[in-house]
Structure formats: structure tokens, C-alpha cells
Amino acid sequence: MYNKELKEKKEIKETKEKYYVTFGNFIMSKRPYQDLVVWKEADALCLDVYKLLPIFPPEERYALCAQIRRSATSVPTNIVEGNMKRSDKERLHYLEHAEGSLEELDYQLSLSARLNYITSEQYEKLNNQVGKVSYLLHKFRSGIIKK
């Protein structure tokens, strides 16, 4: 975007805070999923995982790294998709996929730590985030089931 367009949108953002969200230099319309705490935490986990991938050995780039990348992105992606479904049954289906991907990611991070690709401190931080997202997903699903 051009600076002029950014300035114009920033003005809109200041007057209508709830309708716009910024990502770095990008200003976008706010989507419904962006208000979900579970999505925010899953997105933060995904970003933290991505930051660690460059330290993995080159031979893992198309193996374990690719699997971790798919699992990490699948969690917030399925939350987003499920959030837009009309029926509770469909919504729950996507949230179950998010939980499954989170469990895959948990194992892959554990394996990475045992292979010494990441430090125990890095693993503990990510493991705590996985636990938090897991708890939030469970509560989110429970709220839909109780409707």
C-alpha cells in the first residue's frame, strides 16, 4: 500500500477502532475470528513455532520441519474455518481437527527436543503454549456443546 492510503486507513482506524486491525504495516478489516482468545493464542503459538524452524538441521527442512509447519498452521486455520460454520456440528468438526493438529504438534515438538533440535527451554515455552491452547480449545468446544 502507498503511504497516503495507509494514512487514510489509519485515520479510519482511529475513528472506528473495532472495524480495523493492523498487522505490521498492513491495515485490514477485522474478521470475527480475531476476537477469539483461542485463535489469538493458537496464532501466537504458530508464529513462535515458525521462528524456531530455521535452527533445525537442513536435512529436516522437508521432513520434520514440514510436518511441524503443517500442524502449527492447521490449529489456527481450523479455528478460523470452524468459527464461520453455521451449524454447531460443523463448528465442532473443525475444532476437533484443530485439537488433533495440536496433539500432532505437541508430539513433533517433543521429538524435536529429544533429538536436540531445540533446547529444553524452547520446548518448555512451546509446551506451555500448547497446554494453554489445548485448554482454551476444550473450553471453546464445551461452550458450543452446552448450547
N, C-alpha and C. Protein backbone atom coordinates (compact mmCIF):
# COMPACT_ATOMS: atom_id res chain seq x y z
N MET A 1 0.82 -1.18 0.00
CA MET A 1 0.00 0.00 0.00
C MET A 1 0.87 1.24 0.00
N TYR A 2 0.34 2.26 -0.56
CA TYR A 2 1.05 3.53 -0.57
C TYR A 2 0.88 4.21 0.79
N ASN A 3 1.85 5.06 1.13
CA ASN A 3 1.79 5.76 2.41
C ASN A 3 0.51 6.57 2.58
N LYS A 4 0.06 7.21 1.50
CA LYS A 4 -1.16 8.01 1.57
C LYS A 4 -2.35 7.13 1.96
N GLU A 5 -2.45 5.93 1.33
CA GLU A 5 -3.54 5.03 1.65
C GLU A 5 -3.45 4.57 3.10
N LEU A 6 -2.23 4.30 3.58
CA LEU A 6 -2.05 3.90 4.96
C LEU A 6 -2.50 5.00 5.91
N LYS A 7 -2.14 6.24 5.60
CA LYS A 7 -2.55 7.36 6.44
C LYS A 7 -4.07 7.46 6.49
N GLU A 8 -4.70 7.34 5.33
CA GLU A 8 -6.15 7.43 5.28
C GLU A 8 -6.79 6.32 6.12
N LYS A 9 -6.27 5.11 6.00
CA LYS A 9 -6.85 3.99 6.74
C LYS A 9 -6.54 4.12 8.23
N LYS A 10 -5.38 4.67 8.58
CA LYS A 10 -5.07 4.88 9.99
C LYS A 10 -6.07 5.84 10.60
N GLU A 11 -6.48 6.85 9.84
CA GLU A 11 -7.50 7.77 10.33
C GLU A 11 -8.80 7.02 10.59
N ILE A 12 -9.16 6.16 9.67
CA ILE A 12 -10.38 5.35 9.85
C ILE A 12 -10.22 4.47 11.08
N LYS A 13 -9.04 3.89 11.24
CA LYS A 13 -8.79 3.02 12.38
C LYS A 13 -8.98 3.77 13.69
N GLU A 14 -8.51 5.00 13.75
CA GLU A 14 -8.64 5.79 14.97
C GLU A 14 -10.09 6.13 15.26
N THR A 15 -10.89 6.33 14.24
CA THR A 15 -12.29 6.70 14.46
C THR A 15 -13.19 5.49 14.62
N LYS A 16 -12.82 4.37 14.04
CA LYS A 16 -13.64 3.16 14.12
C LYS A 16 -12.74 1.99 14.51
N GLU A 17 -12.22 2.02 15.72
CA GLU A 17 -11.26 1.04 16.24
C GLU A 17 -11.69 -0.41 16.00
N LYS A 18 -12.95 -0.70 16.23
CA LYS A 18 -13.37 -2.09 16.16
C LYS A 18 -13.46 -2.65 14.74
N TYR A 19 -13.40 -1.81 13.72
CA TYR A 19 -13.56 -2.29 12.36
C TYR A 19 -12.25 -2.58 11.64
N TYR A 20 -11.14 -2.14 12.21
CA TYR A 20 -9.87 -2.33 11.54
C TYR A 20 -8.85 -2.90 12.50
N VAL A 21 -7.93 -3.65 11.96
CA VAL A 21 -6.85 -4.24 12.74
C VAL A 21 -5.56 -4.07 11.96
N THR A 22 -4.45 -3.88 12.66
CA THR A 22 -3.17 -3.70 11.97
C THR A 22 -2.30 -4.93 12.19
N PHE A 23 -1.59 -5.30 11.15
CA PHE A 23 -0.58 -6.36 11.20
C PHE A 23 0.68 -5.75 10.62
N GLY A 24 1.57 -5.30 11.48
CA GLY A 24 2.77 -4.62 10.97
C GLY A 24 2.35 -3.36 10.26
N ASN A 25 2.70 -3.24 8.99
CA ASN A 25 2.34 -2.06 8.20
C ASN A 25 1.01 -2.23 7.48
N PHE A 26 0.38 -3.39 7.62
CA PHE A 26 -0.85 -3.65 6.90
C PHE A 26 -2.06 -3.35 7.77
N ILE A 27 -3.04 -2.72 7.18
CA ILE A 27 -4.29 -2.42 7.87
C ILE A 27 -5.39 -3.17 7.13
N MET A 28 -6.12 -3.98 7.88
CA MET A 28 -7.14 -4.82 7.26
C MET A 28 -8.44 -4.70 8.04
N SER A 29 -9.53 -5.04 7.38
CA SER A 29 -10.81 -5.12 8.08
C SER A 29 -10.71 -6.24 9.11
N LYS A 30 -11.28 -6.03 10.25
CA LYS A 30 -11.24 -7.03 11.31
C LYS A 30 -12.22 -8.14 11.00
N ARG A 31 -11.78 -9.37 11.16
CA ARG A 31 -12.61 -10.55 10.92
C ARG A 31 -13.14 -11.07 12.26
N PRO A 32 -14.28 -11.77 12.27
CA PRO A 32 -14.88 -12.24 13.52
C PRO A 32 -13.96 -13.13 14.36
N TYR A 33 -13.18 -13.98 13.74
CA TYR A 33 -12.31 -14.89 14.49
C TYR A 33 -11.22 -14.15 15.27
N GLN A 34 -10.90 -12.93 14.86
CA GLN A 34 -9.82 -12.19 15.52
C GLN A 34 -10.17 -11.75 16.94
N ASP A 35 -11.44 -11.88 17.31
CA ASP A 35 -11.84 -11.59 18.69
C ASP A 35 -11.74 -12.82 19.59
N LEU A 36 -11.52 -13.98 19.02
CA LEU A 36 -11.46 -15.22 19.81
C LEU A 36 -10.11 -15.35 20.51
N VAL A 37 -10.14 -15.49 21.83
CA VAL A 37 -8.90 -15.67 22.59
C VAL A 37 -8.20 -16.94 22.16
N VAL A 38 -8.96 -18.00 21.89
CA VAL A 38 -8.36 -19.27 21.49
C VAL A 38 -7.59 -19.11 20.17
N TRP A 39 -8.14 -18.33 19.24
CA TRP A 39 -7.43 -18.10 17.98
C TRP A 39 -6.17 -17.28 18.21
N LYS A 40 -6.26 -16.24 19.04
CA LYS A 40 -5.10 -15.39 19.32
C LYS A 40 -3.95 -16.22 19.88
N GLU A 41 -4.26 -17.11 20.81
CA GLU A 41 -3.22 -17.95 21.42
C GLU A 41 -2.67 -18.97 20.42
N ALA A 42 -3.54 -19.56 19.61
CA ALA A 42 -3.09 -20.52 18.60
C ALA A 42 -2.22 -19.83 17.55
N ASP A 43 -2.59 -18.61 17.19
CA ASP A 43 -1.81 -17.84 16.23
C ASP A 43 -0.43 -17.50 16.79
N ALA A 44 -0.39 -17.10 18.06
CA ALA A 44 0.90 -16.79 18.71
C ALA A 44 1.79 -18.03 18.76
N LEU A 45 1.19 -19.19 19.06
CA LEU A 45 1.94 -20.44 19.08
C LEU A 45 2.50 -20.74 17.69
N CYS A 46 1.68 -20.58 16.67
CA CYS A 46 2.11 -20.82 15.30
C CYS A 46 3.30 -19.93 14.93
N LEU A 47 3.22 -18.66 15.27
CA LEU A 47 4.31 -17.73 14.97
C LEU A 47 5.59 -18.11 15.71
N ASP A 48 5.46 -18.50 16.98
CA ASP A 48 6.64 -18.91 17.75
C ASP A 48 7.28 -20.17 17.19
N VAL A 49 6.46 -21.09 16.73
CA VAL A 49 6.98 -22.32 16.12
C VAL A 49 7.74 -21.97 14.84
N TYR A 50 7.16 -21.13 14.02
CA TYR A 50 7.82 -20.73 12.76
C TYR A 50 9.18 -20.09 13.01
N LYS A 51 9.29 -19.32 14.08
CA LYS A 51 10.57 -18.66 14.40
C LYS A 51 11.67 -19.66 14.74
N LEU A 52 11.29 -20.84 15.24
CA LEU A 52 12.28 -21.85 15.61
C LEU A 52 12.75 -22.71 14.44
N LEU A 53 11.96 -22.82 13.41
CA LEU A 53 12.27 -23.75 12.32
C LEU A 53 13.62 -23.51 11.64
N PRO A 54 14.09 -22.27 11.48
CA PRO A 54 15.39 -22.08 10.83
C PRO A 54 16.58 -22.70 11.57
N ILE A 55 16.43 -23.00 12.86
CA ILE A 55 17.56 -23.60 13.59
C ILE A 55 17.66 -25.11 13.41
N PHE A 56 16.67 -25.72 12.78
CA PHE A 56 16.69 -27.16 12.55
C PHE A 56 17.75 -27.50 11.51
N PRO A 57 18.27 -28.72 11.56
CA PRO A 57 19.26 -29.13 10.55
C PRO A 57 18.65 -29.10 9.14
N PRO A 58 19.47 -28.81 8.14
CA PRO A 58 18.96 -28.74 6.75
C PRO A 58 18.26 -30.01 6.29
N GLU A 59 18.71 -31.16 6.75
CA GLU A 59 18.09 -32.41 6.31
C GLU A 59 16.66 -32.58 6.82
N GLU A 60 16.26 -31.78 7.80
CA GLU A 60 14.90 -31.85 8.34
C GLU A 60 13.95 -30.87 7.66
N ARG A 61 14.47 -30.03 6.77
CA ARG A 61 13.66 -28.99 6.14
C ARG A 61 12.40 -29.56 5.48
N TYR A 62 12.54 -30.67 4.78
CA TYR A 62 11.39 -31.24 4.05
C TYR A 62 10.79 -32.44 4.77
N ALA A 63 11.26 -32.70 5.97
CA ALA A 63 10.74 -33.82 6.74
C ALA A 63 10.03 -33.27 7.99
N LEU A 64 10.70 -33.30 9.11
CA LEU A 64 10.08 -32.88 10.36
C LEU A 64 9.63 -31.42 10.33
N CYS A 65 10.41 -30.54 9.76
CA CYS A 65 10.02 -29.12 9.69
C CYS A 65 8.71 -28.94 8.92
N ALA A 66 8.58 -29.66 7.83
CA ALA A 66 7.36 -29.55 7.02
C ALA A 66 6.14 -30.04 7.82
N GLN A 67 6.33 -31.13 8.57
CA GLN A 67 5.24 -31.66 9.40
C GLN A 67 4.87 -30.67 10.50
N ILE A 68 5.88 -30.10 11.15
CA ILE A 68 5.63 -29.13 12.21
C ILE A 68 4.90 -27.91 11.65
N ARG A 69 5.35 -27.46 10.50
CA ARG A 69 4.73 -26.29 9.86
C ARG A 69 3.25 -26.56 9.57
N ARG A 70 2.95 -27.74 9.03
CA ARG A 70 1.55 -28.08 8.72
C ARG A 70 0.70 -28.16 9.99
N SER A 71 1.24 -28.81 11.01
CA SER A 71 0.48 -28.93 12.27
C SER A 71 0.25 -27.57 12.91
N ALA A 72 1.30 -26.76 12.94
CA ALA A 72 1.21 -25.44 13.60
C ALA A 72 0.21 -24.53 12.90
N THR A 73 0.20 -24.55 11.58
CA THR A 73 -0.74 -23.68 10.86
C THR A 73 -2.16 -24.24 10.87
N SER A 74 -2.28 -25.54 10.99
CA SER A 74 -3.59 -26.17 10.97
C SER A 74 -4.44 -25.79 12.18
N VAL A 75 -3.81 -25.55 13.32
CA VAL A 75 -4.58 -25.25 14.53
C VAL A 75 -5.36 -23.94 14.37
N PRO A 76 -4.70 -22.80 14.15
CA PRO A 76 -5.49 -21.57 14.00
C PRO A 76 -6.36 -21.56 12.74
N THR A 77 -5.91 -22.23 11.70
CA THR A 77 -6.69 -22.29 10.45
C THR A 77 -8.02 -23.00 10.67
N ASN A 78 -8.00 -24.11 11.38
CA ASN A 78 -9.25 -24.84 11.65
C ASN A 78 -10.16 -24.09 12.61
N ILE A 79 -9.58 -23.33 13.53
CA ILE A 79 -10.39 -22.49 14.41
C ILE A 79 -11.12 -21.44 13.57
N VAL A 80 -10.40 -20.82 12.64
CA VAL A 80 -10.99 -19.80 11.76
C VAL A 80 -12.12 -20.40 10.94
N GLU A 81 -11.84 -21.52 10.30
CA GLU A 81 -12.85 -22.12 9.43
C GLU A 81 -14.06 -22.58 10.23
N GLY A 82 -13.82 -23.21 11.36
CA GLY A 82 -14.92 -23.67 12.19
C GLY A 82 -15.77 -22.54 12.72
N ASN A 83 -15.14 -21.43 13.02
CA ASN A 83 -15.87 -20.29 13.56
C ASN A 83 -16.89 -19.74 12.57
N MET A 84 -16.67 -19.93 11.29
CA MET A 84 -17.58 -19.40 10.28
C MET A 84 -18.67 -20.39 9.85
N LYS A 85 -18.65 -21.59 10.37
CA LYS A 85 -19.68 -22.56 10.01
C LYS A 85 -20.99 -22.24 10.71
N ARG A 86 -22.07 -22.55 10.06
CA ARG A 86 -23.39 -22.18 10.59
C ARG A 86 -23.90 -23.16 11.63
N SER A 87 -23.63 -24.43 11.45
CA SER A 87 -24.16 -25.40 12.40
C SER A 87 -23.12 -25.74 13.47
N ASP A 88 -23.61 -26.05 14.66
CA ASP A 88 -22.71 -26.44 15.75
C ASP A 88 -21.97 -27.72 15.40
N LYS A 89 -22.63 -28.62 14.69
CA LYS A 89 -22.00 -29.88 14.31
C LYS A 89 -20.77 -29.61 13.44
N GLU A 90 -20.90 -28.75 12.45
CA GLU A 90 -19.78 -28.40 11.58
C GLU A 90 -18.70 -27.66 12.37
N ARG A 91 -19.10 -26.74 13.20
CA ARG A 91 -18.17 -25.97 14.02
C ARG A 91 -17.32 -26.91 14.88
N LEU A 92 -18.00 -27.87 15.53
CA LEU A 92 -17.30 -28.83 16.38
C LEU A 92 -16.35 -29.72 15.57
N HIS A 93 -16.74 -30.06 14.36
CA HIS A 93 -15.90 -30.87 13.48
C HIS A 93 -14.54 -30.19 13.25
N TYR A 94 -14.56 -28.91 12.94
CA TYR A 94 -13.30 -28.19 12.68
C TYR A 94 -12.49 -27.99 13.95
N LEU A 95 -13.16 -27.80 15.06
CA LEU A 95 -12.44 -27.65 16.32
C LEU A 95 -11.78 -28.96 16.73
N GLU A 96 -12.42 -30.10 16.40
CA GLU A 96 -11.79 -31.40 16.65
C GLU A 96 -10.54 -31.55 15.80
N HIS A 97 -10.59 -31.08 14.57
CA HIS A 97 -9.39 -31.11 13.72
C HIS A 97 -8.28 -30.25 14.31
N ALA A 98 -8.66 -29.08 14.85
CA ALA A 98 -7.67 -28.21 15.48
C ALA A 98 -7.03 -28.91 16.67
N GLU A 99 -7.84 -29.60 17.47
CA GLU A 99 -7.30 -30.34 18.62
C GLU A 99 -6.36 -31.46 18.17
N GLY A 100 -6.74 -32.16 17.11
CA GLY A 100 -5.88 -33.22 16.59
C GLY A 100 -4.55 -32.67 16.09
N SER A 101 -4.59 -31.56 15.39
CA SER A 101 -3.36 -30.93 14.89
C SER A 101 -2.50 -30.44 16.05
N LEU A 102 -3.14 -29.97 17.10
CA LEU A 102 -2.39 -29.52 18.28
C LEU A 102 -1.67 -30.68 18.94
N GLU A 103 -2.31 -31.83 19.00
CA GLU A 103 -1.66 -33.02 19.56
C GLU A 103 -0.49 -33.48 18.69
N GLU A 104 -0.68 -33.41 17.38
CA GLU A 104 0.43 -33.73 16.46
C GLU A 104 1.61 -32.79 16.72
N LEU A 105 1.32 -31.51 16.83
CA LEU A 105 2.36 -30.52 17.07
C LEU A 105 3.06 -30.80 18.40
N ASP A 106 2.31 -31.15 19.42
CA ASP A 106 2.88 -31.46 20.72
C ASP A 106 3.91 -32.60 20.60
N TYR A 107 3.52 -33.65 19.90
CA TYR A 107 4.46 -34.77 19.71
C TYR A 107 5.69 -34.33 18.91
N GLN A 108 5.48 -33.59 17.85
CA GLN A 108 6.59 -33.18 16.99
C GLN A 108 7.57 -32.28 17.74
N LEU A 109 7.06 -31.44 18.61
CA LEU A 109 7.94 -30.59 19.42
C LEU A 109 8.70 -31.43 20.44
N SER A 110 8.02 -32.40 21.03
CA SER A 110 8.68 -33.31 21.97
C SER A 110 9.80 -34.08 21.28
N LEU A 111 9.52 -34.57 20.09
CA LEU A 111 10.53 -35.29 19.31
C LEU A 111 11.71 -34.37 18.99
N SER A 112 11.42 -33.14 18.61
CA SER A 112 12.47 -32.16 18.29
C SER A 112 13.37 -31.92 19.49
N ALA A 113 12.79 -31.86 20.67
CA ALA A 113 13.59 -31.65 21.89
C ALA A 113 14.45 -32.87 22.18
N ARG A 114 13.88 -34.06 22.01
CA ARG A 114 14.64 -35.29 22.28
C ARG A 114 15.75 -35.52 21.27
N LEU A 115 15.58 -34.96 20.07
CA LEU A 115 16.63 -35.03 19.05
C LEU A 115 17.63 -33.87 19.18
N ASN A 116 17.41 -33.03 20.20
CA ASN A 116 18.26 -31.86 20.46
C ASN A 116 18.25 -30.84 19.33
N TYR A 117 17.13 -30.75 18.62
CA TYR A 117 16.98 -29.71 17.60
C TYR A 117 16.57 -28.39 18.25
N ILE A 118 15.87 -28.49 19.39
CA ILE A 118 15.52 -27.31 20.17
C ILE A 118 15.96 -27.55 21.61
N THR A 119 16.20 -26.47 22.33
CA THR A 119 16.64 -26.60 23.72
C THR A 119 15.47 -26.96 24.62
N SER A 120 15.79 -27.42 25.82
CA SER A 120 14.73 -27.75 26.77
C SER A 120 13.93 -26.50 27.14
N GLU A 121 14.59 -25.34 27.19
CA GLU A 121 13.89 -24.09 27.49
C GLU A 121 12.90 -23.74 26.37
N GLN A 122 13.34 -23.90 25.13
CA GLN A 122 12.45 -23.63 24.00
C GLN A 122 11.26 -24.58 24.02
N TYR A 123 11.56 -25.85 24.31
CA TYR A 123 10.49 -26.84 24.36
C TYR A 123 9.49 -26.52 25.47
N GLU A 124 9.98 -26.17 26.66
CA GLU A 124 9.10 -25.86 27.78
C GLU A 124 8.18 -24.69 27.46
N LYS A 125 8.73 -23.65 26.84
CA LYS A 125 7.92 -22.48 26.47
C LYS A 125 6.80 -22.90 25.51
N LEU A 126 7.18 -23.66 24.47
CA LEU A 126 6.18 -24.10 23.49
C LEU A 126 5.20 -25.08 24.11
N ASN A 127 5.67 -25.95 24.96
CA ASN A 127 4.80 -26.92 25.61
C ASN A 127 3.76 -26.22 26.48
N ASN A 128 4.17 -25.16 27.17
CA ASN A 128 3.21 -24.38 27.96
C ASN A 128 2.17 -23.72 27.06
N GLN A 129 2.61 -23.22 25.90
CA GLN A 129 1.67 -22.61 24.96
C GLN A 129 0.70 -23.65 24.42
N VAL A 130 1.21 -24.84 24.11
CA VAL A 130 0.35 -25.93 23.63
C VAL A 130 -0.70 -26.26 24.68
N GLY A 131 -0.28 -26.34 25.94
CA GLY A 131 -1.22 -26.62 27.02
C GLY A 131 -2.30 -25.55 27.15
N LYS A 132 -1.90 -24.31 27.00
CA LYS A 132 -2.86 -23.20 27.09
C LYS A 132 -3.87 -23.25 25.95
N VAL A 133 -3.38 -23.48 24.73
CA VAL A 133 -4.28 -23.58 23.56
C VAL A 133 -5.20 -24.78 23.71
N SER A 134 -4.67 -25.89 24.21
CA SER A 134 -5.48 -27.09 24.41
C SER A 134 -6.62 -26.80 25.39
N TYR A 135 -6.31 -26.15 26.48
CA TYR A 135 -7.32 -25.79 27.48
C TYR A 135 -8.39 -24.88 26.87
N LEU A 136 -7.95 -23.85 26.15
CA LEU A 136 -8.88 -22.91 25.53
C LEU A 136 -9.76 -23.58 24.49
N LEU A 137 -9.17 -24.47 23.69
CA LEU A 137 -9.95 -25.21 22.69
C LEU A 137 -11.01 -26.08 23.36
N HIS A 138 -10.62 -26.75 24.43
CA HIS A 138 -11.55 -27.60 25.16
C HIS A 138 -12.72 -26.77 25.70
N LYS A 139 -12.42 -25.62 26.29
CA LYS A 139 -13.46 -24.76 26.83
C LYS A 139 -14.35 -24.19 25.72
N PHE A 140 -13.74 -23.83 24.61
CA PHE A 140 -14.50 -23.31 23.48
C PHE A 140 -15.46 -24.36 22.95
N ARG A 141 -14.97 -25.58 22.78
CA ARG A 141 -15.83 -26.69 22.32
C ARG A 141 -16.94 -26.97 23.32
N SER A 142 -16.59 -26.97 24.61
CA SER A 142 -17.59 -27.23 25.65
C SER A 142 -18.72 -26.23 25.62
N GLY A 143 -18.38 -24.96 25.35
CA GLY A 143 -19.39 -23.92 25.26
C GLY A 143 -20.36 -24.15 24.11
N ILE A 144 -19.84 -24.68 23.02
CA ILE A 144 -20.70 -24.96 21.85
C ILE A 144 -21.59 -26.16 22.14
N ILE A 145 -21.04 -27.18 22.78
CA ILE A 145 -21.80 -28.39 23.08
C ILE A 145 -22.95 -28.10 24.03
N LYS A 146 -22.73 -27.19 25.01
CA LYS A 146 -23.74 -26.88 26.02
C LYS A 146 -24.90 -26.05 25.50
N LYS A 147 -24.80 -25.50 24.29
CA LYS A 147 -25.87 -24.66 23.73
C LYS A 147 -27.18 -25.40 23.66
